[in-house]
């Protein structure tokens, strides 16, 4: 379904998991921090994930139609999107 939305309707697919994996692969300071969290078996904390996703959305700009994959997963993440004028308007399962 996501490929169809991207192909036919111009959405940009933003995957939080892909983004985290890229950061880990890059060896950046952030990637090392994420790797440590993942290696411990913990989930990446909301504040860090929110910061990463919001940064990515800012780069895309406010008029870009975005298909978020793996985000938001918590009420706090959804509230952060709304607070930054990117409310969730559809949920696909």
C-alpha atoms as a PDB file:
ATOM      1  CA  UNK A   1       0.000   0.000   0.000  1.00  0.00           C
ATOM      2  CA  UNK A   2       2.775   2.454   0.849  1.00  0.00           C
ATOM      3  CA  UNK A   3       4.440   1.961  -2.549  1.00  0.00           C
ATOM      4  CA  UNK A   4       1.118   2.730  -4.256  1.00  0.00           C
ATOM      5  CA  UNK A   5       0.630   5.921  -2.214  1.00  0.00           C
ATOM      6  CA  UNK A   6       4.152   7.047  -3.054  1.00  0.00           C
ATOM      7  CA  UNK A   7       3.887   6.142  -6.731  1.00  0.00           C
ATOM      8  CA  UNK A   8       0.328   7.252  -7.476  1.00  0.00           C
ATOM      9  CA  UNK A   9      -0.234  10.144  -5.077  1.00  0.00           C
ATOM     10  CA  UNK A  10       3.185  11.681  -4.537  1.00  0.00           C
ATOM     11  CA  UNK A  11       3.610  10.900  -0.862  1.00  0.00           C
ATOM     12  CA  UNK A  12       7.107  10.764   0.587  1.00  0.00           C
ATOM     13  CA  UNK A  13       7.738   7.591   2.600  1.00  0.00           C
ATOM     14  CA  UNK A  14       9.437   8.362   5.922  1.00  0.00           C
ATOM     15  CA  UNK A  15      10.421   5.251   7.888  1.00  0.00           C
ATOM     16  CA  UNK A  16      11.725   5.789  11.399  1.00  0.00           C
ATOM     17  CA  UNK A  17      13.353   2.348  11.334  1.00  0.00           C
ATOM     18  CA  UNK A  18      15.158   3.038   8.045  1.00  0.00           C
ATOM     19  CA  UNK A  19      16.348   6.363   9.401  1.00  0.00           C
ATOM     20  CA  UNK A  20      17.705   4.759  12.587  1.00  0.00           C
ATOM     21  CA  UNK A  21      19.465   2.016  10.598  1.00  0.00           C
ATOM     22  CA  UNK A  22      21.093   4.635   8.334  1.00  0.00           C
ATOM     23  CA  UNK A  23      22.330   6.543  11.361  1.00  0.00           C
ATOM     24  CA  UNK A  24      23.805   3.381  12.880  1.00  0.00           C
ATOM     25  CA  UNK A  25      25.485   2.474   9.575  1.00  0.00           C
ATOM     26  CA  UNK A  26      26.943   5.956   9.235  1.00  0.00           C
ATOM     27  CA  UNK A  27      28.875   5.590  12.466  1.00  0.00           C
ATOM     28  CA  UNK A  28      27.842   9.104  13.501  1.00  0.00           C
ATOM     29  CA  UNK A  29      27.715  10.121  17.142  1.00  0.00           C
ATOM     30  CA  UNK A  30      23.932   9.811  16.986  1.00  0.00           C
ATOM     31  CA  UNK A  31      24.230   6.437  15.256  1.00  0.00           C
ATOM     32  CA  UNK A  32      26.534   5.196  18.000  1.00  0.00           C
ATOM     33  CA  UNK A  33      24.055   6.369  20.626  1.00  0.00           C
ATOM     34  CA  UNK A  34      21.210   4.571  18.852  1.00  0.00           C
ATOM     35  CA  UNK A  35      23.337   1.415  18.464  1.00  0.00           C
ATOM     36  CA  UNK A  36      24.025   1.354  22.210  1.00  0.00           C
ATOM     37  CA  UNK A  37      20.303   1.638  22.930  1.00  0.00           C
ATOM     38  CA  UNK A  38      19.382  -1.076  20.429  1.00  0.00           C
ATOM     39  CA  UNK A  39      22.154  -3.391  21.657  1.00  0.00           C
ATOM     40  CA  UNK A  40      20.799  -3.113  25.194  1.00  0.00           C
ATOM     41  CA  UNK A  41      17.405  -4.329  23.965  1.00  0.00           C
ATOM     42  CA  UNK A  42      15.699  -1.055  24.820  1.00  0.00           C
ATOM     43  CA  UNK A  43      13.500   1.051  22.583  1.00  0.00           C
ATOM     44  CA  UNK A  44      14.820   4.354  21.300  1.00  0.00           C
ATOM     45  CA  UNK A  45      13.368   6.935  23.725  1.00  0.00           C
ATOM     46  CA  UNK A  46      10.512   9.123  22.522  1.00  0.00           C
ATOM     47  CA  UNK A  47      12.452  12.360  22.898  1.00  0.00           C
ATOM     48  CA  UNK A  48      15.253  11.154  20.623  1.00  0.00           C
ATOM     49  CA  UNK A  49      12.950   9.619  18.025  1.00  0.00           C
ATOM     50  CA  UNK A  50      10.706  12.694  18.013  1.00  0.00           C
ATOM     51  CA  UNK A  51      13.719  14.934  17.456  1.00  0.00           C
ATOM     52  CA  UNK A  52      14.926  12.795  14.544  1.00  0.00           C
ATOM     53  CA  UNK A  53      11.568  12.550  12.811  1.00  0.00           C
ATOM     54  CA  UNK A  54      10.730  16.230  13.264  1.00  0.00           C
ATOM     55  CA  UNK A  55      14.104  17.165  11.791  1.00  0.00           C
ATOM     56  CA  UNK A  56      13.394  14.967   8.774  1.00  0.00           C
ATOM     57  CA  UNK A  57       9.929  16.519   8.351  1.00  0.00           C
ATOM     58  CA  UNK A  58      11.374  20.027   8.574  1.00  0.00           C
ATOM     59  CA  UNK A  59      13.777  19.179   5.749  1.00  0.00           C
ATOM     60  CA  UNK A  60      10.847  18.025   3.593  1.00  0.00           C
ATOM     61  CA  UNK A  61       8.861  21.191   4.229  1.00  0.00           C
ATOM     62  CA  UNK A  62       5.298  21.780   5.418  1.00  0.00           C
ATOM     63  CA  UNK A  63       3.547  21.186   2.098  1.00  0.00           C
ATOM     64  CA  UNK A  64       5.041  17.733   1.498  1.00  0.00           C
ATOM     65  CA  UNK A  65       2.582  14.868   1.838  1.00  0.00           C
ATOM     66  CA  UNK A  66       4.258  12.362   4.125  1.00  0.00           C
ATOM     67  CA  UNK A  67       3.555   8.695   4.782  1.00  0.00           C
ATOM     68  CA  UNK A  68       5.051   7.966   8.204  1.00  0.00           C
ATOM     69  CA  UNK A  69       6.097   4.365   8.783  1.00  0.00           C
ATOM     70  CA  UNK A  70       6.711   3.282  12.378  1.00  0.00           C
ATOM     71  CA  UNK A  71       5.901   6.674  13.806  1.00  0.00           C
ATOM     72  CA  UNK A  72       4.002   7.750  15.830  1.00  0.00           C
ATOM     73  CA  UNK A  73       3.747   4.725  18.082  1.00  0.00           C
ATOM     74  CA  UNK A  74       2.997   6.561  21.308  1.00  0.00           C
ATOM     75  CA  UNK A  75       0.655   9.336  22.369  1.00  0.00           C
ATOM     76  CA  UNK A  76       3.686  11.527  23.083  1.00  0.00           C
ATOM     77  CA  UNK A  77       4.951  11.081  19.532  1.00  0.00           C
ATOM     78  CA  UNK A  78       1.529  11.952  18.080  1.00  0.00           C
ATOM     79  CA  UNK A  79       1.263  15.003  20.331  1.00  0.00           C
ATOM     80  CA  UNK A  80       4.702  16.175  19.179  1.00  0.00           C
ATOM     81  CA  UNK A  81       3.571  16.008  15.547  1.00  0.00           C
ATOM     82  CA  UNK A  82       0.474  18.052  16.341  1.00  0.00           C
ATOM     83  CA  UNK A  83       2.493  20.587  18.322  1.00  0.00           C
ATOM     84  CA  UNK A  84       4.747  21.070  15.290  1.00  0.00           C
ATOM     85  CA  UNK A  85       1.809  21.508  12.909  1.00  0.00           C
ATOM     86  CA  UNK A  86       2.079  18.020  11.361  1.00  0.00           C
ATOM     87  CA  UNK A  87      -0.952  16.263  12.885  1.00  0.00           C
ATOM     88  CA  UNK A  88      -1.772  12.691  11.952  1.00  0.00           C
ATOM     89  CA  UNK A  89      -4.821  12.806   9.705  1.00  0.00           C
ATOM     90  CA  UNK A  90      -5.031   9.172   8.569  1.00  0.00           C
ATOM     91  CA  UNK A  91      -3.979   5.881  10.137  1.00  0.00           C
ATOM     92  CA  UNK A  92      -3.301   2.777   8.043  1.00  0.00           C
ATOM     93  CA  UNK A  93      -2.852  -0.630   9.596  1.00  0.00           C
END
